[in-house]
């Protein structure tokens, strides 16, 4: 009878100090694809779209158009507050050179959606933009609205209030 002995050597590695990663503060995050799915589901419900695919298509079109109009810190904050997929749609847009009125924005959306009219495009825009305040907060939306020409607030489902003019005495 022959007995065979095998020798195993265990090796341990110590972490390279130059490559040690210290995790940042933990915060509860919805998995990225879940966040996008929730956004699209909310748009589908708000806009009463018959399919998720239609709600997703409209969401992408509206967010990409919005992405060209929001700039600076507000654009960064909006992208950070949205699910990764929505943030990518917004952040990938080249900023426009001239501000577009709210009716012009709706008309631009109508031109991008096959068979859309100004009325259906307004519905689509409002279906997407009106869910954003619940998702990212009213404070951020107010900052975004401050960047845009008047008239956009209604598209976000908010009152379009203008400051009162001081009374003049005769």
Protein backbone atom coordinates (compact mmCIF):
# COMPACT_ATOMS: atom_id res chain seq x y z
CA UNK A 1 0.00 0.00 0.00
CA UNK A 2 1.32 3.34 -0.99
CA UNK A 3 0.39 6.55 0.78
CA UNK A 4 0.69 9.80 -1.10
CA UNK A 5 0.97 13.03 0.79
CA UNK A 6 0.28 16.33 -0.89
CA UNK A 7 1.34 19.59 0.53
CA UNK A 8 -0.76 22.70 0.13
CA UNK A 9 0.50 26.11 0.76
CA UNK A 10 -1.88 28.86 1.70
CA UNK A 11 -0.94 32.33 0.62
CA UNK A 12 -2.36 35.51 1.97
CA UNK A 13 -2.14 38.86 0.37
CA UNK A 14 -2.16 42.11 2.15
CA UNK A 15 -4.01 44.99 0.56
CA UNK A 16 -1.92 47.45 -1.36
CA UNK A 17 -2.17 50.72 0.59
CA UNK A 18 -2.18 52.71 -2.62
CA UNK A 19 -5.26 50.82 -3.79
CA UNK A 20 -7.27 50.73 -0.59
CA UNK A 21 -10.72 52.17 -1.09
CA UNK A 22 -12.57 53.71 1.79
CA UNK A 23 -16.30 53.53 1.19
CA UNK A 24 -18.27 56.73 1.41
CA UNK A 25 -21.40 57.20 3.49
CA UNK A 26 -24.06 54.66 2.70
CA UNK A 27 -27.43 55.89 1.51
CA UNK A 28 -30.44 53.96 0.43
CA UNK A 29 -30.57 53.80 -3.33
CA UNK A 30 -33.10 52.22 -5.57
CA UNK A 31 -31.34 49.95 -8.06
CA UNK A 32 -30.81 51.99 -11.21
CA UNK A 33 -33.03 49.96 -13.49
CA UNK A 34 -35.76 49.97 -10.84
CA UNK A 35 -35.61 53.77 -10.59
CA UNK A 36 -36.02 54.11 -14.35
CA UNK A 37 -38.84 51.57 -14.35
CA UNK A 38 -40.60 53.48 -11.55
CA UNK A 39 -40.25 56.76 -13.44
CA UNK A 40 -41.67 55.24 -16.62
CA UNK A 41 -44.48 53.57 -14.66
CA UNK A 42 -45.39 56.92 -13.09
CA UNK A 43 -45.38 58.59 -16.53
CA UNK A 44 -47.51 55.74 -17.91
CA UNK A 45 -50.06 56.18 -15.14
CA UNK A 46 -50.09 59.98 -15.32
CA UNK A 47 -50.36 60.06 -19.11
CA UNK A 48 -52.65 57.02 -19.28
CA UNK A 49 -50.44 55.41 -21.94
CA UNK A 50 -51.58 51.95 -23.03
CA UNK A 51 -48.09 50.42 -22.94
CA UNK A 52 -44.88 50.80 -20.99
CA UNK A 53 -43.00 51.09 -24.30
CA UNK A 54 -45.02 54.15 -25.29
CA UNK A 55 -44.50 55.78 -21.89
CA UNK A 56 -40.77 55.09 -22.12
CA UNK A 57 -40.53 56.55 -25.63
CA UNK A 58 -42.32 59.74 -24.58
CA UNK A 59 -40.20 59.99 -21.41
CA UNK A 60 -36.97 59.77 -23.41
CA UNK A 61 -38.11 62.36 -25.95
CA UNK A 62 -39.26 64.88 -23.34
CA UNK A 63 -36.24 64.45 -21.05
CA UNK A 64 -33.82 64.78 -23.96
CA UNK A 65 -35.49 68.03 -25.01
CA UNK A 66 -35.42 69.29 -21.42
CA UNK A 67 -31.74 68.37 -21.15
CA UNK A 68 -30.83 70.98 -23.74
CA UNK A 69 -32.59 73.73 -21.79
CA UNK A 70 -31.33 73.13 -18.25
CA UNK A 71 -27.74 74.17 -17.65
CA UNK A 72 -25.18 74.69 -14.93
CA UNK A 73 -25.67 73.55 -11.35
CA UNK A 74 -29.35 72.83 -11.92
CA UNK A 75 -28.54 70.41 -14.74
CA UNK A 76 -26.02 68.61 -12.55
CA UNK A 77 -28.42 68.50 -9.59
CA UNK A 78 -31.26 67.25 -11.79
CA UNK A 79 -29.08 64.50 -13.26
CA UNK A 80 -27.97 63.43 -9.78
CA UNK A 81 -31.55 63.31 -8.51
CA UNK A 82 -32.86 61.18 -11.36
CA UNK A 83 -32.34 57.47 -12.03
CA UNK A 84 -29.16 56.78 -14.03
CA UNK A 85 -30.99 56.16 -17.31
CA UNK A 86 -32.92 59.45 -17.07
CA UNK A 87 -29.77 61.31 -15.98
CA UNK A 88 -27.93 59.99 -19.03
CA UNK A 89 -30.71 61.19 -21.33
CA UNK A 90 -30.58 64.69 -19.84
CA UNK A 91 -26.80 64.97 -19.54
CA UNK A 92 -26.14 63.78 -23.09
CA UNK A 93 -27.81 66.81 -24.65
CA UNK A 94 -25.94 69.81 -25.97
CA UNK A 95 -27.25 73.00 -24.33
CA UNK A 96 -29.33 75.18 -26.62
CA UNK A 97 -27.99 78.59 -27.54
CA UNK A 98 -31.28 80.44 -27.15
CA UNK A 99 -34.01 79.84 -24.59
CA UNK A 100 -37.21 78.40 -26.04
CA UNK A 101 -40.66 79.50 -24.93
CA UNK A 102 -42.91 76.88 -23.36
CA UNK A 103 -45.16 76.77 -26.47
CA UNK A 104 -42.03 76.47 -28.63
CA UNK A 105 -40.81 73.61 -26.45
CA UNK A 106 -44.14 71.80 -26.89
CA UNK A 107 -44.03 72.40 -30.66
CA UNK A 108 -40.50 70.95 -30.78
CA UNK A 109 -41.75 67.84 -28.99
CA UNK A 110 -44.67 67.58 -31.44
CA UNK A 111 -42.17 67.60 -34.30
CA UNK A 112 -40.27 64.68 -32.72
CA UNK A 113 -43.29 62.45 -32.09
CA UNK A 114 -44.84 60.91 -35.18
CA UNK A 115 -48.45 61.92 -35.60
CA UNK A 116 -48.42 64.34 -32.67
CA UNK A 117 -50.37 67.57 -32.60
CA UNK A 118 -49.61 70.51 -30.32
CA UNK A 119 -52.39 69.30 -28.00
CA UNK A 120 -51.11 65.72 -27.77
CA UNK A 121 -47.52 66.95 -27.41
CA UNK A 122 -48.58 69.19 -24.51
CA UNK A 123 -50.17 66.13 -22.90
CA UNK A 124 -46.95 64.16 -23.41
CA UNK A 125 -44.75 66.93 -22.03
CA UNK A 126 -46.95 67.44 -18.98
CA UNK A 127 -47.19 63.69 -18.38
CA UNK A 128 -43.41 63.50 -18.06
CA UNK A 129 -42.55 66.83 -16.45
CA UNK A 130 -45.35 66.73 -13.87
CA UNK A 131 -43.89 63.59 -12.26
CA UNK A 132 -40.47 65.20 -11.74
CA UNK A 133 -41.36 67.36 -8.69
CA UNK A 134 -42.37 64.23 -6.72
CA UNK A 135 -39.19 62.50 -7.81
CA UNK A 136 -36.58 65.26 -7.34
CA UNK A 137 -38.34 67.73 -5.04
CA UNK A 138 -40.03 71.08 -5.47
CA UNK A 139 -36.93 73.08 -4.52
CA UNK A 140 -34.90 71.71 -7.42
CA UNK A 141 -37.80 72.11 -9.84
CA UNK A 142 -38.19 75.74 -8.71
CA UNK A 143 -34.48 76.30 -9.47
CA UNK A 144 -34.92 74.68 -12.89
CA UNK A 145 -37.98 76.84 -13.57
CA UNK A 146 -36.03 79.97 -12.63
CA UNK A 147 -33.71 79.17 -15.56
CA UNK A 148 -36.49 78.68 -18.07
CA UNK A 149 -38.71 81.31 -19.69
CA UNK A 150 -42.13 81.84 -18.12
CA UNK A 151 -44.82 79.35 -19.03
CA UNK A 152 -42.89 76.17 -18.17
CA UNK A 153 -44.31 75.90 -14.65
CA UNK A 154 -47.66 74.70 -15.96
CA UNK A 155 -45.89 71.93 -17.88
CA UNK A 156 -44.42 70.76 -14.55
CA UNK A 157 -47.88 70.80 -12.96
CA UNK A 158 -47.17 73.93 -10.94
CA UNK A 159 -48.87 77.28 -10.86
CA UNK A 160 -47.17 79.86 -13.07
CA UNK A 161 -47.12 82.74 -10.65
CA UNK A 162 -45.65 86.08 -11.57
CA UNK A 163 -44.59 88.63 -9.00
CA UNK A 164 -47.13 91.33 -8.33
CA UNK A 165 -46.28 94.79 -9.61
CA UNK A 166 -46.10 97.50 -6.97
CA UNK A 167 -49.14 99.72 -6.82
CA UNK A 168 -48.59 103.18 -8.24
CA UNK A 169 -50.24 106.11 -6.61
CA UNK A 170 -51.83 108.69 -8.77
